[in-house]
Amino acid sequence: MTERNLIPYILTSIGTVVATVAVLTYYGYVHVAKPEDALLLADFTMLKTVPGEDYKLSLKPAQQVAQCIDGVLVLFDTQQKGLTGVLVDNRKQAVRCMGEETPQLIK
């Protein structure tokens, strides 16, 4: 039996993986998220309103503006143009809104 040189096979495999990732990144299928691409949802807190009980809010508005689009609450950042996102809970379920008709589940 003759011994085979495995170095060309290993280099070809590594080159193929690098080329595949490069092509997928070029065409937009791979995106490396940056910290400025997302808002931390931990920065948002829901204040429960109880009838007859007072609560205090800051007079200064938040940097985000919410809008109801297709029954989903979408946040737009006023400081960083183009930064938008959907508000979700800790299970990645979208927060619905009643400003527009919510899409119904078809059975």
C-alpha atoms as a PDB file:
ATOM      1  CA  MET A   1       0.000   0.000   0.000  1.00  0.00           C
ATOM      2  CA  THR A   2       1.187   3.445  -0.791  1.00  0.00           C
ATOM      3  CA  GLU A   3       0.821   6.315   1.603  1.00  0.00           C
ATOM      4  CA  ARG A   4      -1.213   9.284   0.434  1.00  0.00           C
ATOM      5  CA  ASN A   5      -0.292  12.849   1.137  1.00  0.00           C
ATOM      6  CA  LEU A   6      -3.306  14.290   3.045  1.00  0.00           C
ATOM      7  CA  ILE A   7      -2.106  17.889   3.098  1.00  0.00           C
ATOM      8  CA  PRO A   8      -3.715  18.815  -0.274  1.00  0.00           C
ATOM      9  CA  TYR A   9      -7.047  17.362   0.912  1.00  0.00           C
ATOM     10  CA  ILE A  10      -6.915  19.309   4.172  1.00  0.00           C
ATOM     11  CA  LEU A  11      -5.973  22.567   2.421  1.00  0.00           C
ATOM     12  CA  THR A  12      -8.732  22.042  -0.161  1.00  0.00           C
ATOM     13  CA  SER A  13     -11.294  21.494   2.620  1.00  0.00           C
ATOM     14  CA  ILE A  14     -10.228  24.613   4.498  1.00  0.00           C
ATOM     15  CA  GLY A  15     -10.176  26.656   1.286  1.00  0.00           C
ATOM     16  CA  THR A  16     -13.662  25.437   0.356  1.00  0.00           C
ATOM     17  CA  VAL A  17     -15.089  26.448   3.749  1.00  0.00           C
ATOM     18  CA  VAL A  18     -13.437  29.892   3.578  1.00  0.00           C
ATOM     19  CA  ALA A  19     -14.655  30.452   0.013  1.00  0.00           C
ATOM     20  CA  THR A  20     -18.203  29.344   0.904  1.00  0.00           C
ATOM     21  CA  VAL A  21     -18.387  31.714   3.885  1.00  0.00           C
ATOM     22  CA  ALA A  22     -16.974  34.557   1.756  1.00  0.00           C
ATOM     23  CA  VAL A  23     -19.569  34.022  -0.997  1.00  0.00           C
ATOM     24  CA  LEU A  24     -22.445  33.737   1.505  1.00  0.00           C
ATOM     25  CA  THR A  25     -21.296  36.942   3.217  1.00  0.00           C
ATOM     26  CA  TYR A  26     -20.990  38.757  -0.107  1.00  0.00           C
ATOM     27  CA  TYR A  27     -24.559  37.865  -1.099  1.00  0.00           C
ATOM     28  CA  GLY A  28     -25.953  38.787   2.333  1.00  0.00           C
ATOM     29  CA  TYR A  29     -26.757  35.346   3.708  1.00  0.00           C
ATOM     30  CA  VAL A  30     -24.252  35.727   6.555  1.00  0.00           C
ATOM     31  CA  HIS A  31     -24.461  38.855   8.681  1.00  0.00           C
ATOM     32  CA  VAL A  32     -22.243  39.575  11.669  1.00  0.00           C
ATOM     33  CA  ALA A  33     -24.320  41.594  14.116  1.00  0.00           C
ATOM     34  CA  LYS A  34     -22.781  44.661  15.706  1.00  0.00           C
ATOM     35  CA  PRO A  35     -23.866  46.071  19.064  1.00  0.00           C
ATOM     36  CA  GLU A  36     -25.359  49.138  17.362  1.00  0.00           C
ATOM     37  CA  ASP A  37     -27.588  46.880  15.226  1.00  0.00           C
ATOM     38  CA  ALA A  38     -29.928  46.041  18.095  1.00  0.00           C
ATOM     39  CA  LEU A  39     -31.532  47.526  21.168  1.00  0.00           C
ATOM     40  CA  LEU A  40     -31.351  45.663  24.437  1.00  0.00           C
ATOM     41  CA  LEU A  41     -34.862  44.626  25.355  1.00  0.00           C
ATOM     42  CA  ALA A  42     -33.822  44.671  28.997  1.00  0.00           C
ATOM     43  CA  ASP A  43     -33.938  48.455  28.743  1.00  0.00           C
ATOM     44  CA  PHE A  44     -37.729  48.329  28.488  1.00  0.00           C
ATOM     45  CA  THR A  45     -40.039  47.771  31.441  1.00  0.00           C
ATOM     46  CA  MET A  46     -43.801  47.594  31.547  1.00  0.00           C
ATOM     47  CA  LEU A  47     -45.446  49.667  34.264  1.00  0.00           C
ATOM     48  CA  LYS A  48     -48.679  48.094  35.391  1.00  0.00           C
ATOM     49  CA  THR A  49     -51.407  50.649  35.927  1.00  0.00           C
ATOM     50  CA  VAL A  50     -53.673  50.116  38.915  1.00  0.00           C
ATOM     51  CA  PRO A  51     -56.858  52.212  39.184  1.00  0.00           C
ATOM     52  CA  GLY A  52     -56.526  54.840  41.905  1.00  0.00           C
ATOM     53  CA  GLU A  53     -52.769  54.407  42.281  1.00  0.00           C
ATOM     54  CA  ASP A  54     -50.276  57.040  41.147  1.00  0.00           C
ATOM     55  CA  TYR A  55     -47.044  56.320  39.298  1.00  0.00           C
ATOM     56  CA  LYS A  56     -44.291  58.637  38.141  1.00  0.00           C
ATOM     57  CA  LEU A  57     -42.850  58.967  34.652  1.00  0.00           C
ATOM     58  CA  SER A  58     -40.041  61.084  33.288  1.00  0.00           C
ATOM     59  CA  LEU A  59     -41.103  64.094  31.245  1.00  0.00           C
ATOM     60  CA  LYS A  60     -38.262  63.429  28.815  1.00  0.00           C
ATOM     61  CA  PRO A  61     -39.447  61.049  26.052  1.00  0.00           C
ATOM     62  CA  ALA A  62     -37.560  57.896  25.088  1.00  0.00           C
ATOM     63  CA  GLN A  63     -35.336  57.791  21.994  1.00  0.00           C
ATOM     64  CA  GLN A  64     -37.634  55.199  20.424  1.00  0.00           C
ATOM     65  CA  VAL A  65     -40.991  55.718  18.750  1.00  0.00           C
ATOM     66  CA  ALA A  66     -43.441  52.827  18.411  1.00  0.00           C
ATOM     67  CA  GLN A  67     -45.846  52.242  15.565  1.00  0.00           C
ATOM     68  CA  CYS A  68     -48.366  49.505  14.921  1.00  0.00           C
ATOM     69  CA  ILE A  69     -47.598  47.813  11.593  1.00  0.00           C
ATOM     70  CA  ASP A  70     -49.633  44.774  10.549  1.00  0.00           C
ATOM     71  CA  GLY A  71     -50.672  44.185  14.167  1.00  0.00           C
ATOM     72  CA  VAL A  72     -47.075  44.098  15.477  1.00  0.00           C
ATOM     73  CA  LEU A  73     -45.423  46.794  17.596  1.00  0.00           C
ATOM     74  CA  VAL A  74     -42.395  48.119  15.688  1.00  0.00           C
ATOM     75  CA  LEU A  75     -39.851  50.447  17.328  1.00  0.00           C
ATOM     76  CA  PHE A  76     -38.005  53.155  15.429  1.00  0.00           C
ATOM     77  CA  ASP A  77     -34.927  54.797  16.952  1.00  0.00           C
ATOM     78  CA  THR A  78     -34.873  58.578  16.556  1.00  0.00           C
ATOM     79  CA  GLN A  79     -31.125  58.928  17.228  1.00  0.00           C
ATOM     80  CA  GLN A  80     -29.756  56.256  14.875  1.00  0.00           C
ATOM     81  CA  LYS A  81     -31.523  56.560  11.554  1.00  0.00           C
ATOM     82  CA  GLY A  82     -32.496  53.260   9.990  1.00  0.00           C
ATOM     83  CA  LEU A  83     -32.480  51.361  13.293  1.00  0.00           C
ATOM     84  CA  THR A  84     -35.820  49.596  13.614  1.00  0.00           C
ATOM     85  CA  GLY A  85     -36.941  46.477  15.390  1.00  0.00           C
ATOM     86  CA  VAL A  86     -39.888  44.440  16.555  1.00  0.00           C
ATOM     87  CA  LEU A  87     -40.572  44.390  20.288  1.00  0.00           C
ATOM     88  CA  VAL A  88     -40.581  40.785  21.543  1.00  0.00           C
ATOM     89  CA  ASP A  89     -40.908  39.106  24.919  1.00  0.00           C
ATOM     90  CA  ASN A  90     -38.383  36.748  26.505  1.00  0.00           C
ATOM     91  CA  ARG A  91     -39.679  33.869  24.344  1.00  0.00           C
ATOM     92  CA  LYS A  92     -39.148  35.847  21.100  1.00  0.00           C
ATOM     93  CA  GLN A  93     -42.902  36.306  20.621  1.00  0.00           C
ATOM     94  CA  ALA A  94     -43.830  39.588  18.963  1.00  0.00           C
ATOM     95  CA  VAL A  95     -45.765  42.105  21.046  1.00  0.00           C
ATOM     96  CA  ARG A  96     -49.087  42.680  19.287  1.00  0.00           C
ATOM     97  CA  CYS A  97     -50.910  45.994  19.128  1.00  0.00           C
ATOM     98  CA  MET A  98     -54.515  46.968  18.584  1.00  0.00           C
ATOM     99  CA  GLY A  99     -53.911  49.976  16.324  1.00  0.00           C
ATOM    100  CA  GLU A 100     -54.510  47.840  13.255  1.00  0.00           C
ATOM    101  CA  GLU A 101     -56.272  44.576  12.781  1.00  0.00           C
ATOM    102  CA  THR A 102     -54.172  41.666  14.015  1.00  0.00           C
ATOM    103  CA  PRO A 103     -53.648  38.847  11.490  1.00  0.00           C
ATOM    104  CA  GLN A 104     -55.785  35.872  12.436  1.00  0.00           C
ATOM    105  CA  LEU A 105     -54.672  32.245  12.468  1.00  0.00           C
ATOM    106  CA  ILE A 106     -56.278  30.369   9.562  1.00  0.00           C
ATOM    107  CA  LYS A 107     -57.489  26.909  10.512  1.00  0.00           C
END
